[in-house]
C-alpha cells in the first residue's frame, strides 16, 4: 500500500532513535547534544567545493533582472548582504534573472574572494530577462564575471529546467560549461530544477555536479508532493551530486507560521541529503530567526 502524504510527513518529523543532523554530520554523533551550526562549511556532494550550510538567496520575487533585494535600493541591499556575511553566511545565490550581480562584491568590499562562495544561474529560456537573444554559456559567463567583479564562480547552473530531455536539449551549453570548469573559470556546474521529470533526469546525468531543488514537507511551491521529491533528492545524493534545497519556507508561505517553519527545517535536515539551505532573506531579523531555528532543530531520519 502506498504511503499517504499525511503519514509521510508525520513519519518524517516524529520518530524514535538517533538524530540525523543533516548532510555533513555523521550519525555516530547523535549521542551529543542536539545543535546544528547553520554557518558551518559543508561539502557540496563529491565536488571539491565547500559552502556555508546557510545560503543567502537573492531572488525573492525575482524576474526581469529585479528582485525584492534590488528593489530595496543599492544601500539597503548591500547592507543586508554585508550583515549576512557578518553573521556567518558565506554562500550567496545570485542569478541573471534576479539582477543581483552588481551588489555582492561592493557589499563585501575588502573580504578575500576565497572566503565566499558565489552561485549564479544562466537564463536560457525566452522571456524572463530584457534581452531577446540567448548567447552561448561562455559569452554569458564572461558577462557574469564582469558584473560580479570576480575571476571565477563557484557554481553556475542552467536556470529553471523543466523538460525531462534537458540533458539532450542543453548539451551544447553543458559542454561549454565543462570546458570553463577545466579552465577554472567555474568550479562546478549543474541545474536548477522546476519539474519532477527534470529532477529525475539529473540523477543519472554525469555532467551534473549540483542541483537546486525545491523541498519542504508540504509540497508548497515544489515540483511535486514531498513523498515523491524526497526519494529523488536521496538518489541525487547517492550519485554524488550536491543538493541545494530551495523553498524551505514555501516561498514565504510559512513565514508567519511558527510550527510549519520548524517542521520544515526538521524535515529537510532529517532527509540527510540536502547539503545547503538556500533561503531568500529580506531582513537581518529573518536571517537570525532562521539560523536560530536551525541551531535548535531536532530532526529525525526520514
C-alpha atoms as a PDB file:
ATOM      1  CA  UNK A   1       0.000   0.000   0.000  1.00  0.00           C
ATOM      2  CA  UNK A   2       1.324   3.426  -0.927  1.00  0.00           C
ATOM      3  CA  UNK A   3       2.196   5.675   1.973  1.00  0.00           C
ATOM      4  CA  UNK A   4      -0.273   8.540   2.220  1.00  0.00           C
ATOM      5  CA  UNK A   5       1.055  12.090   2.213  1.00  0.00           C
ATOM      6  CA  UNK A   6      -0.062  12.784   5.783  1.00  0.00           C
ATOM      7  CA  UNK A   7       1.639   9.631   7.045  1.00  0.00           C
ATOM      8  CA  UNK A   8       4.810  10.514   5.128  1.00  0.00           C
ATOM      9  CA  UNK A   9       5.040  13.927   6.751  1.00  0.00           C
ATOM     10  CA  UNK A  10       4.242  12.530  10.188  1.00  0.00           C
ATOM     11  CA  UNK A  11       6.872   9.792   9.971  1.00  0.00           C
ATOM     12  CA  UNK A  12       9.401  12.260   8.612  1.00  0.00           C
ATOM     13  CA  UNK A  13       9.007  14.603  11.570  1.00  0.00           C
ATOM     14  CA  UNK A  14       8.304  12.359  14.538  1.00  0.00           C
ATOM     15  CA  UNK A  15      10.368   9.341  15.412  1.00  0.00           C
ATOM     16  CA  UNK A  16      12.418   7.441  17.941  1.00  0.00           C
ATOM     17  CA  UNK A  17      16.121   6.854  17.692  1.00  0.00           C
ATOM     18  CA  UNK A  18      19.266   8.745  16.810  1.00  0.00           C
ATOM     19  CA  UNK A  19      19.180  12.189  15.348  1.00  0.00           C
ATOM     20  CA  UNK A  20      20.367  12.757  11.832  1.00  0.00           C
ATOM     21  CA  UNK A  21      21.763  16.258  11.853  1.00  0.00           C
ATOM     22  CA  UNK A  22      21.764  16.811   8.115  1.00  0.00           C
ATOM     23  CA  UNK A  23      24.394  16.488   5.430  1.00  0.00           C
ATOM     24  CA  UNK A  24      27.916  16.871   6.688  1.00  0.00           C
ATOM     25  CA  UNK A  25      27.255  15.493  10.222  1.00  0.00           C
ATOM     26  CA  UNK A  26      27.711  11.809  10.981  1.00  0.00           C
ATOM     27  CA  UNK A  27      25.029   9.711  12.589  1.00  0.00           C
ATOM     28  CA  UNK A  28      27.527   8.476  15.217  1.00  0.00           C
ATOM     29  CA  UNK A  29      27.444  11.955  16.746  1.00  0.00           C
ATOM     30  CA  UNK A  30      23.849  11.527  17.847  1.00  0.00           C
ATOM     31  CA  UNK A  31      24.757  10.944  21.476  1.00  0.00           C
ATOM     32  CA  UNK A  32      25.926  14.545  21.681  1.00  0.00           C
ATOM     33  CA  UNK A  33      23.512  17.376  22.479  1.00  0.00           C
ATOM     34  CA  UNK A  34      21.346  18.445  19.561  1.00  0.00           C
ATOM     35  CA  UNK A  35      22.527  21.512  17.751  1.00  0.00           C
ATOM     36  CA  UNK A  36      23.414  22.302  14.184  1.00  0.00           C
ATOM     37  CA  UNK A  37      25.721  25.106  13.124  1.00  0.00           C
ATOM     38  CA  UNK A  38      23.835  26.936  10.358  1.00  0.00           C
ATOM     39  CA  UNK A  39      27.050  28.570   9.214  1.00  0.00           C
ATOM     40  CA  UNK A  40      29.313  25.503   9.144  1.00  0.00           C
ATOM     41  CA  UNK A  41      31.146  24.834   5.887  1.00  0.00           C
ATOM     42  CA  UNK A  42      29.925  21.629   4.285  1.00  0.00           C
ATOM     43  CA  UNK A  43      30.950  19.747   1.171  1.00  0.00           C
ATOM     44  CA  UNK A  44      28.740  20.102  -1.875  1.00  0.00           C
ATOM     45  CA  UNK A  45      28.323  16.461  -2.819  1.00  0.00           C
ATOM     46  CA  UNK A  46      31.545  14.972  -4.149  1.00  0.00           C
ATOM     47  CA  UNK A  47      32.732  18.271  -5.610  1.00  0.00           C
ATOM     48  CA  UNK A  48      35.696  19.981  -4.004  1.00  0.00           C
ATOM     49  CA  UNK A  49      33.534  22.994  -3.267  1.00  0.00           C
ATOM     50  CA  UNK A  50      32.691  23.756   0.357  1.00  0.00           C
ATOM     51  CA  UNK A  51      29.890  26.153   1.189  1.00  0.00           C
ATOM     52  CA  UNK A  52      28.253  27.532   4.300  1.00  0.00           C
ATOM     53  CA  UNK A  53      25.240  25.415   5.178  1.00  0.00           C
ATOM     54  CA  UNK A  54      23.063  28.521   5.184  1.00  0.00           C
ATOM     55  CA  UNK A  55      22.951  30.270   1.814  1.00  0.00           C
ATOM     56  CA  UNK A  56      21.661  33.787   1.211  1.00  0.00           C
ATOM     57  CA  UNK A  57      19.141  33.692  -1.623  1.00  0.00           C
ATOM     58  CA  UNK A  58      18.706  36.957  -3.527  1.00  0.00           C
ATOM     59  CA  UNK A  59      15.822  36.121  -5.846  1.00  0.00           C
ATOM     60  CA  UNK A  60      12.694  36.802  -3.787  1.00  0.00           C
ATOM     61  CA  UNK A  61      10.006  37.578  -6.374  1.00  0.00           C
ATOM     62  CA  UNK A  62      12.757  37.817  -8.971  1.00  0.00           C
ATOM     63  CA  UNK A  63      12.354  38.410 -12.682  1.00  0.00           C
ATOM     64  CA  UNK A  64      13.395  40.755 -15.461  1.00  0.00           C
ATOM     65  CA  UNK A  65      16.680  41.380 -13.585  1.00  0.00           C
ATOM     66  CA  UNK A  66      14.892  42.601 -10.480  1.00  0.00           C
ATOM     67  CA  UNK A  67      14.044  41.111  -7.091  1.00  0.00           C
ATOM     68  CA  UNK A  68      12.871  42.356  -3.724  1.00  0.00           C
ATOM     69  CA  UNK A  69      16.535  42.871  -2.815  1.00  0.00           C
ATOM     70  CA  UNK A  70      17.284  45.140  -5.776  1.00  0.00           C
ATOM     71  CA  UNK A  71      14.029  46.998  -5.143  1.00  0.00           C
ATOM     72  CA  UNK A  72      15.368  47.930  -1.699  1.00  0.00           C
ATOM     73  CA  UNK A  73      17.903  50.152  -3.390  1.00  0.00           C
ATOM     74  CA  UNK A  74      21.683  49.820  -3.502  1.00  0.00           C
ATOM     75  CA  UNK A  75      22.414  50.954   0.059  1.00  0.00           C
ATOM     76  CA  UNK A  76      19.894  48.708   1.823  1.00  0.00           C
ATOM     77  CA  UNK A  77      20.599  45.701  -0.399  1.00  0.00           C
ATOM     78  CA  UNK A  78      24.353  45.884   0.156  1.00  0.00           C
ATOM     79  CA  UNK A  79      23.875  46.444   3.888  1.00  0.00           C
ATOM     80  CA  UNK A  80      21.771  43.278   4.112  1.00  0.00           C
ATOM     81  CA  UNK A  81      24.339  41.233   2.173  1.00  0.00           C
ATOM     82  CA  UNK A  82      27.108  42.515   4.453  1.00  0.00           C
ATOM     83  CA  UNK A  83      25.055  41.721   7.560  1.00  0.00           C
ATOM     84  CA  UNK A  84      24.556  38.170   6.276  1.00  0.00           C
ATOM     85  CA  UNK A  85      28.327  37.785   5.937  1.00  0.00           C
ATOM     86  CA  UNK A  86      28.929  39.224   9.416  1.00  0.00           C
ATOM     87  CA  UNK A  87      26.648  36.557  10.863  1.00  0.00           C
ATOM     88  CA  UNK A  88      28.466  33.718   9.119  1.00  0.00           C
ATOM     89  CA  UNK A  89      26.793  33.312   5.729  1.00  0.00           C
ATOM     90  CA  UNK A  90      29.480  32.589   3.149  1.00  0.00           C
ATOM     91  CA  UNK A  91      27.360  31.348   0.244  1.00  0.00           C
ATOM     92  CA  UNK A  92      25.372  33.758  -1.916  1.00  0.00           C
ATOM     93  CA  UNK A  93      22.868  32.662  -4.531  1.00  0.00           C
ATOM     94  CA  UNK A  94      22.629  35.072  -7.474  1.00  0.00           C
ATOM     95  CA  UNK A  95      21.140  34.811 -10.975  1.00  0.00           C
ATOM     96  CA  UNK A  96      20.885  36.780 -14.167  1.00  0.00           C
ATOM     97  CA  UNK A  97      17.128  36.704 -13.634  1.00  0.00           C
ATOM     98  CA  UNK A  98      17.414  38.470 -10.260  1.00  0.00           C
ATOM     99  CA  UNK A  99      19.661  41.385 -11.255  1.00  0.00           C
ATOM    100  CA  UNK A 100      21.743  40.979  -8.092  1.00  0.00           C
ATOM    101  CA  UNK A 101      25.171  40.500  -9.686  1.00  0.00           C
ATOM    102  CA  UNK A 102      26.445  44.079  -9.193  1.00  0.00           C
ATOM    103  CA  UNK A 103      25.578  44.228  -5.490  1.00  0.00           C
ATOM    104  CA  UNK A 104      27.588  41.417  -3.903  1.00  0.00           C
ATOM    105  CA  UNK A 105      31.253  42.408  -4.149  1.00  0.00           C
ATOM    106  CA  UNK A 106      30.674  46.069  -3.206  1.00  0.00           C
ATOM    107  CA  UNK A 107      28.754  44.826  -0.170  1.00  0.00           C
ATOM    108  CA  UNK A 108      31.722  42.617   0.812  1.00  0.00           C
ATOM    109  CA  UNK A 109      34.465  45.049  -0.105  1.00  0.00           C
ATOM    110  CA  UNK A 110      37.839  44.090   1.347  1.00  0.00           C
ATOM    111  CA  UNK A 111      36.842  40.492   2.090  1.00  0.00           C
ATOM    112  CA  UNK A 112      39.111  37.945   0.347  1.00  0.00           C
ATOM    113  CA  UNK A 113      37.337  36.243  -2.540  1.00  0.00           C
ATOM    114  CA  UNK A 114      38.136  32.742  -1.272  1.00  0.00           C
ATOM    115  CA  UNK A 115      36.103  33.377   1.889  1.00  0.00           C
ATOM    116  CA  UNK A 116      32.829  33.492  -0.016  1.00  0.00           C
ATOM    117  CA  UNK A 117      31.130  31.153  -2.456  1.00  0.00           C
ATOM    118  CA  UNK A 118      29.190  32.637  -5.347  1.00  0.00           C
ATOM    119  CA  UNK A 119      26.419  30.813  -7.186  1.00  0.00           C
ATOM    120  CA  UNK A 120      24.813  32.159 -10.338  1.00  0.00           C
ATOM    121  CA  UNK A 121      22.422  30.891 -12.971  1.00  0.00           C
ATOM    122  CA  UNK A 122      22.063  31.211 -16.742  1.00  0.00           C
ATOM    123  CA  UNK A 123      18.592  32.039 -18.029  1.00  0.00           C
ATOM    124  CA  UNK A 124      18.312  30.201 -21.351  1.00  0.00           C
ATOM    125  CA  UNK A 125      14.534  30.403 -21.819  1.00  0.00           C
ATOM    126  CA  UNK A 126      12.601  33.068 -23.694  1.00  0.00           C
ATOM    127  CA  UNK A 127      11.188  35.913 -21.632  1.00  0.00           C
ATOM    128  CA  UNK A 128      12.291  36.461 -18.052  1.00  0.00           C
ATOM    129  CA  UNK A 129      15.080  38.933 -18.862  1.00  0.00           C
ATOM    130  CA  UNK A 130      15.024  42.034 -21.097  1.00  0.00           C
ATOM    131  CA  UNK A 131      17.377  40.594 -23.748  1.00  0.00           C
ATOM    132  CA  UNK A 132      15.809  38.807 -26.687  1.00  0.00           C
ATOM    133  CA  UNK A 133      18.947  36.920 -27.730  1.00  0.00           C
ATOM    134  CA  UNK A 134      20.408  33.975 -25.802  1.00  0.00           C
ATOM    135  CA  UNK A 135      24.189  33.822 -26.344  1.00  0.00           C
ATOM    136  CA  UNK A 136      26.115  30.653 -25.534  1.00  0.00           C
ATOM    137  CA  UNK A 137      27.201  29.953 -21.975  1.00  0.00           C
ATOM    138  CA  UNK A 138      30.796  31.155 -22.461  1.00  0.00           C
ATOM    139  CA  UNK A 139      29.590  34.608 -23.540  1.00  0.00           C
ATOM    140  CA  UNK A 140      27.061  34.791 -20.725  1.00  0.00           C
ATOM    141  CA  UNK A 141      29.501  33.677 -18.027  1.00  0.00           C
ATOM    142  CA  UNK A 142      32.095  36.228 -19.135  1.00  0.00           C
ATOM    143  CA  UNK A 143      29.438  38.898 -18.659  1.00  0.00           C
ATOM    144  CA  UNK A 144      28.639  37.469 -15.230  1.00  0.00           C
ATOM    145  CA  UNK A 145      32.295  37.746 -14.200  1.00  0.00           C
ATOM    146  CA  UNK A 146      32.389  41.403 -15.195  1.00  0.00           C
ATOM    147  CA  UNK A 147      29.102  42.221 -13.484  1.00  0.00           C
ATOM    148  CA  UNK A 148      30.053  40.459 -10.256  1.00  0.00           C
ATOM    149  CA  UNK A 149      33.700  41.644 -10.434  1.00  0.00           C
ATOM    150  CA  UNK A 150      35.287  38.250  -9.884  1.00  0.00           C
ATOM    151  CA  UNK A 151      37.677  35.941 -11.738  1.00  0.00           C
ATOM    152  CA  UNK A 152      35.681  32.763 -11.139  1.00  0.00           C
ATOM    153  CA  UNK A 153      32.327  31.457  -9.958  1.00  0.00           C
ATOM    154  CA  UNK A 154      31.932  28.597  -7.511  1.00  0.00           C
ATOM    155  CA  UNK A 155      28.780  27.154  -9.048  1.00  0.00           C
ATOM    156  CA  UNK A 156      26.909  28.002 -12.252  1.00  0.00           C
ATOM    157  CA  UNK A 157      23.531  26.500 -13.062  1.00  0.00           C
ATOM    158  CA  UNK A 158      21.236  26.247 -16.039  1.00  0.00           C
ATOM    159  CA  UNK A 159      18.261  28.017 -14.537  1.00  0.00           C
ATOM    160  CA  UNK A 160      14.718  26.634 -14.323  1.00  0.00           C
ATOM    161  CA  UNK A 161      14.983  23.405 -16.323  1.00  0.00           C
ATOM    162  CA  UNK A 162      11.656  21.631 -16.777  1.00  0.00           C
ATOM    163  CA  UNK A 163      11.998  19.247 -19.717  1.00  0.00           C
ATOM    164  CA  UNK A 164      12.868  15.605 -18.981  1.00  0.00           C
ATOM    165  CA  UNK A 165      15.080  15.828 -22.076  1.00  0.00           C
ATOM    166  CA  UNK A 166      17.102  18.801 -20.880  1.00  0.00           C
ATOM    167  CA  UNK A 167      20.414  16.842 -20.981  1.00  0.00           C
ATOM    168  CA  UNK A 168      19.892  16.441 -24.733  1.00  0.00           C
ATOM    169  CA  UNK A 169      18.401  19.855 -25.415  1.00  0.00           C
ATOM    170  CA  UNK A 170      21.058  21.800 -23.490  1.00  0.00           C
ATOM    171  CA  UNK A 171      24.053  19.593 -24.332  1.00  0.00           C
ATOM    172  CA  UNK A 172      25.908  22.323 -26.228  1.00  0.00           C
ATOM    173  CA  UNK A 173      25.779  24.667 -23.245  1.00  0.00           C
ATOM    174  CA  UNK A 174      26.751  21.850 -20.899  1.00  0.00           C
ATOM    175  CA  UNK A 175      29.853  21.100 -22.972  1.00  0.00           C
ATOM    176  CA  UNK A 176      30.839  24.777 -22.992  1.00  0.00           C
ATOM    177  CA  UNK A 177      30.455  24.945 -19.214  1.00  0.00           C
ATOM    178  CA  UNK A 178      32.508  21.755 -18.792  1.00  0.00           C
ATOM    179  CA  UNK A 179      35.384  23.402 -20.691  1.00  0.00           C
ATOM    180  CA  UNK A 180      35.114  26.507 -18.496  1.00  0.00           C
ATOM    181  CA  UNK A 181      35.294  24.257 -15.452  1.00  0.00           C
ATOM    182  CA  UNK A 182      38.501  22.673 -16.787  1.00  0.00           C
ATOM    183  CA  UNK A 183      39.948  26.187 -17.128  1.00  0.00           C
ATOM    184  CA  UNK A 184      38.967  27.118 -13.564  1.00  0.00           C
ATOM    185  CA  UNK A 185      36.514  29.815 -14.639  1.00  0.00           C
ATOM    186  CA  UNK A 186      33.777  27.925 -12.800  1.00  0.00           C
ATOM    187  CA  UNK A 187      34.350  25.346 -10.088  1.00  0.00           C
ATOM    188  CA  UNK A 188      31.153  23.327 -10.524  1.00  0.00           C
ATOM    189  CA  UNK A 189      28.080  23.259 -12.732  1.00  0.00           C
ATOM    190  CA  UNK A 190      24.558  21.947 -12.580  1.00  0.00           C
ATOM    191  CA  UNK A 191      20.872  22.756 -12.876  1.00  0.00           C
ATOM    192  CA  UNK A 192      18.060  24.445 -11.022  1.00  0.00           C
ATOM    193  CA  UNK A 193      15.077  22.124 -11.466  1.00  0.00           C
ATOM    194  CA  UNK A 194      11.451  23.161 -11.781  1.00  0.00           C
ATOM    195  CA  UNK A 195       9.783  19.859 -12.595  1.00  0.00           C
ATOM    196  CA  UNK A 196       9.951  16.371 -11.138  1.00  0.00           C
ATOM    197  CA  UNK A 197      10.913  14.919 -14.517  1.00  0.00           C
ATOM    198  CA  UNK A 198      13.836  17.330 -14.838  1.00  0.00           C
ATOM    199  CA  UNK A 199      14.939  16.494 -11.309  1.00  0.00           C
ATOM    200  CA  UNK A 200      14.853  12.772 -12.069  1.00  0.00           C
ATOM    201  CA  UNK A 201      16.894  13.295 -15.248  1.00  0.00           C
ATOM    202  CA  UNK A 202      19.641  14.953 -13.182  1.00  0.00           C
ATOM    203  CA  UNK A 203      20.224  11.787 -11.130  1.00  0.00           C
ATOM    204  CA  UNK A 204      21.842   9.836 -13.975  1.00  0.00           C
ATOM    205  CA  UNK A 205      23.440  12.743 -15.842  1.00  0.00           C
ATOM    206  CA  UNK A 206      27.234  12.615 -15.208  1.00  0.00           C
ATOM    207  CA  UNK A 207      27.662  16.296 -16.099  1.00  0.00           C
ATOM    208  CA  UNK A 208      25.647  17.401 -13.065  1.00  0.00           C
ATOM    209  CA  UNK A 209      27.745  18.417 -10.071  1.00  0.00           C
ATOM    210  CA  UNK A 210      24.931  20.008  -8.107  1.00  0.00           C
ATOM    211  CA  UNK A 211      21.174  20.540  -8.228  1.00  0.00           C
ATOM    212  CA  UNK A 212      18.949  23.268  -6.820  1.00  0.00           C
ATOM    213  CA  UNK A 213      15.702  21.570  -5.789  1.00  0.00           C
ATOM    214  CA  UNK A 214      12.539  22.799  -4.130  1.00  0.00           C
ATOM    215  CA  UNK A 215      11.799  20.930  -0.915  1.00  0.00           C
ATOM    216  CA  UNK A 216       9.555  21.230   2.154  1.00  0.00           C
ATOM    217  CA  UNK A 217       7.192  18.708   3.773  1.00  0.00           C
ATOM    218  CA  UNK A 218       4.025  20.304   2.411  1.00  0.00           C
ATOM    219  CA  UNK A 219       4.701  20.311  -1.341  1.00  0.00           C
ATOM    220  CA  UNK A 220       4.301  24.087  -1.420  1.00  0.00           C
ATOM    221  CA  UNK A 221       5.881  25.730  -4.492  1.00  0.00           C
ATOM    222  CA  UNK A 222       7.516  22.384  -5.284  1.00  0.00           C
ATOM    223  CA  UNK A 223       7.832  20.044  -8.274  1.00  0.00           C
ATOM    224  CA  UNK A 224       5.532  17.503  -6.675  1.00  0.00           C
ATOM    225  CA  UNK A 225       4.492  16.176  -3.258  1.00  0.00           C
ATOM    226  CA  UNK A 226       7.244  15.697  -0.708  1.00  0.00           C
ATOM    227  CA  UNK A 227       6.896  11.917  -0.739  1.00  0.00           C
ATOM    228  CA  UNK A 228       7.817  11.895  -4.424  1.00  0.00           C
ATOM    229  CA  UNK A 229      10.506  14.588  -4.398  1.00  0.00           C
ATOM    230  CA  UNK A 230      12.414  13.425  -1.307  1.00  0.00           C
ATOM    231  CA  UNK A 231      13.432   9.999  -2.743  1.00  0.00           C
ATOM    232  CA  UNK A 232      14.820  11.725  -5.844  1.00  0.00           C
ATOM    233  CA  UNK A 233      16.924  14.023  -3.667  1.00  0.00           C
ATOM    234  CA  UNK A 234      18.286  10.970  -1.873  1.00  0.00           C
ATOM    235  CA  UNK A 235      19.130   9.387  -5.215  1.00  0.00           C
ATOM    236  CA  UNK A 236      20.936  12.581  -6.256  1.00  0.00           C
ATOM    237  CA  UNK A 237      22.949  12.495  -3.045  1.00  0.00           C
ATOM    238  CA  UNK A 238      23.819   8.806  -3.511  1.00  0.00           C
ATOM    239  CA  UNK A 239      25.011   9.642  -7.025  1.00  0.00           C
ATOM    240  CA  UNK A 240      27.450  12.162  -5.544  1.00  0.00           C
ATOM    241  CA  UNK A 241      25.551  15.268  -6.591  1.00  0.00           C
ATOM    242  CA  UNK A 242      25.356  18.337  -4.405  1.00  0.00           C
ATOM    243  CA  UNK A 243      21.813  19.161  -3.300  1.00  0.00           C
ATOM    244  CA  UNK A 244      20.829  22.752  -2.560  1.00  0.00           C
ATOM    245  CA  UNK A 245      17.376  22.995  -1.023  1.00  0.00           C
ATOM    246  CA  UNK A 246      15.066  25.847  -2.001  1.00  0.00           C
ATOM    247  CA  UNK A 247      11.553  26.914  -0.916  1.00  0.00           C
ATOM    248  CA  UNK A 248      12.083  25.637   2.606  1.00  0.00           C
ATOM    249  CA  UNK A 249       9.630  28.293   3.786  1.00  0.00           C
ATOM    250  CA  UNK A 250       7.383  27.689   0.783  1.00  0.00           C
ATOM    251  CA  UNK A 251       8.448  30.944  -0.885  1.00  0.00           C
ATOM    252  CA  UNK A 252       7.306  32.776   2.238  1.00  0.00           C
ATOM    253  CA  UNK A 253       4.057  30.821   2.628  1.00  0.00           C
ATOM    254  CA  UNK A 254       5.086  29.659   6.136  1.00  0.00           C
ATOM    255  CA  UNK A 255       6.792  32.886   7.199  1.00  0.00           C
ATOM    256  CA  UNK A 256       4.161  33.609   9.852  1.00  0.00           C
ATOM    257  CA  UNK A 257       3.542  30.012  10.863  1.00  0.00           C
ATOM    258  CA  UNK A 258       5.974  29.092  13.632  1.00  0.00           C
ATOM    259  CA  UNK A 259       5.040  25.410  13.644  1.00  0.00           C
ATOM    260  CA  UNK A 260       5.397  24.966   9.904  1.00  0.00           C
ATOM    261  CA  UNK A 261       8.758  26.748   9.800  1.00  0.00           C
ATOM    262  CA  UNK A 262      10.197  24.484  12.464  1.00  0.00           C
ATOM    263  CA  UNK A 263       8.637  21.383  10.922  1.00  0.00           C
ATOM    264  CA  UNK A 264      10.065  22.214   7.512  1.00  0.00           C
ATOM    265  CA  UNK A 265      13.581  22.750   8.835  1.00  0.00           C
ATOM    266  CA  UNK A 266      13.450  19.481  10.796  1.00  0.00           C
ATOM    267  CA  UNK A 267      12.087  17.634   7.790  1.00  0.00           C
ATOM    268  CA  UNK A 268      14.715  18.899   5.345  1.00  0.00           C
ATOM    269  CA  UNK A 269      17.612  18.295   7.723  1.00  0.00           C
ATOM    270  CA  UNK A 270      16.218  14.892   8.593  1.00  0.00           C
ATOM    271  CA  UNK A 271      16.390  13.793   4.972  1.00  0.00           C
ATOM    272  CA  UNK A 272      20.176  13.698   5.363  1.00  0.00           C
ATOM    273  CA  UNK A 273      20.735  14.546   1.718  1.00  0.00           C
ATOM    274  CA  UNK A 274      20.302  18.323   1.491  1.00  0.00           C
ATOM    275  CA  UNK A 275      23.718  19.925   1.784  1.00  0.00           C
ATOM    276  CA  UNK A 276      22.854  23.626   1.537  1.00  0.00           C
ATOM    277  CA  UNK A 277      19.806  25.534   2.818  1.00  0.00           C
ATOM    278  CA  UNK A 278      19.065  28.332   0.353  1.00  0.00           C
ATOM    279  CA  UNK A 279      16.644  30.908   1.752  1.00  0.00           C
ATOM    280  CA  UNK A 280      15.625  34.292   0.367  1.00  0.00           C
ATOM    281  CA  UNK A 281      16.094  36.696   3.243  1.00  0.00           C
ATOM    282  CA  UNK A 282      14.784  40.250   3.172  1.00  0.00           C
ATOM    283  CA  UNK A 283      15.925  41.400   6.608  1.00  0.00           C
ATOM    284  CA  UNK A 284      18.527  40.732   9.270  1.00  0.00           C
ATOM    285  CA  UNK A 285      15.743  39.569  11.574  1.00  0.00           C
ATOM    286  CA  UNK A 286      14.812  36.837   9.106  1.00  0.00           C
ATOM    287  CA  UNK A 287      18.420  35.634   8.926  1.00  0.00           C
ATOM    288  CA  UNK A 288      18.726  35.480  12.709  1.00  0.00           C
ATOM    289  CA  UNK A 289      15.355  33.788  13.111  1.00  0.00           C
ATOM    290  CA  UNK A 290      16.102  31.055  10.585  1.00  0.00           C
ATOM    291  CA  UNK A 291      19.627  30.479  11.899  1.00  0.00           C
ATOM    292  CA  UNK A 292      18.335  30.117  15.459  1.00  0.00           C
ATOM    293  CA  UNK A 293      15.745  27.594  14.306  1.00  0.00           C
ATOM    294  CA  UNK A 294      18.459  25.545  12.614  1.00  0.00           C
ATOM    295  CA  UNK A 295      20.550  25.649  15.796  1.00  0.00           C
ATOM    296  CA  UNK A 296      17.605  24.327  17.800  1.00  0.00           C
ATOM    297  CA  UNK A 297      16.493  21.814  15.178  1.00  0.00           C
ATOM    298  CA  UNK A 298      15.795  18.272  16.284  1.00  0.00           C
ATOM    299  CA  UNK A 299      15.494  16.327  13.017  1.00  0.00           C
ATOM    300  CA  UNK A 300      14.831  12.618  12.783  1.00  0.00           C
ATOM    301  CA  UNK A 301      15.698  10.385   9.843  1.00  0.00           C
ATOM    302  CA  UNK A 302      13.114  10.450   7.062  1.00  0.00           C
END
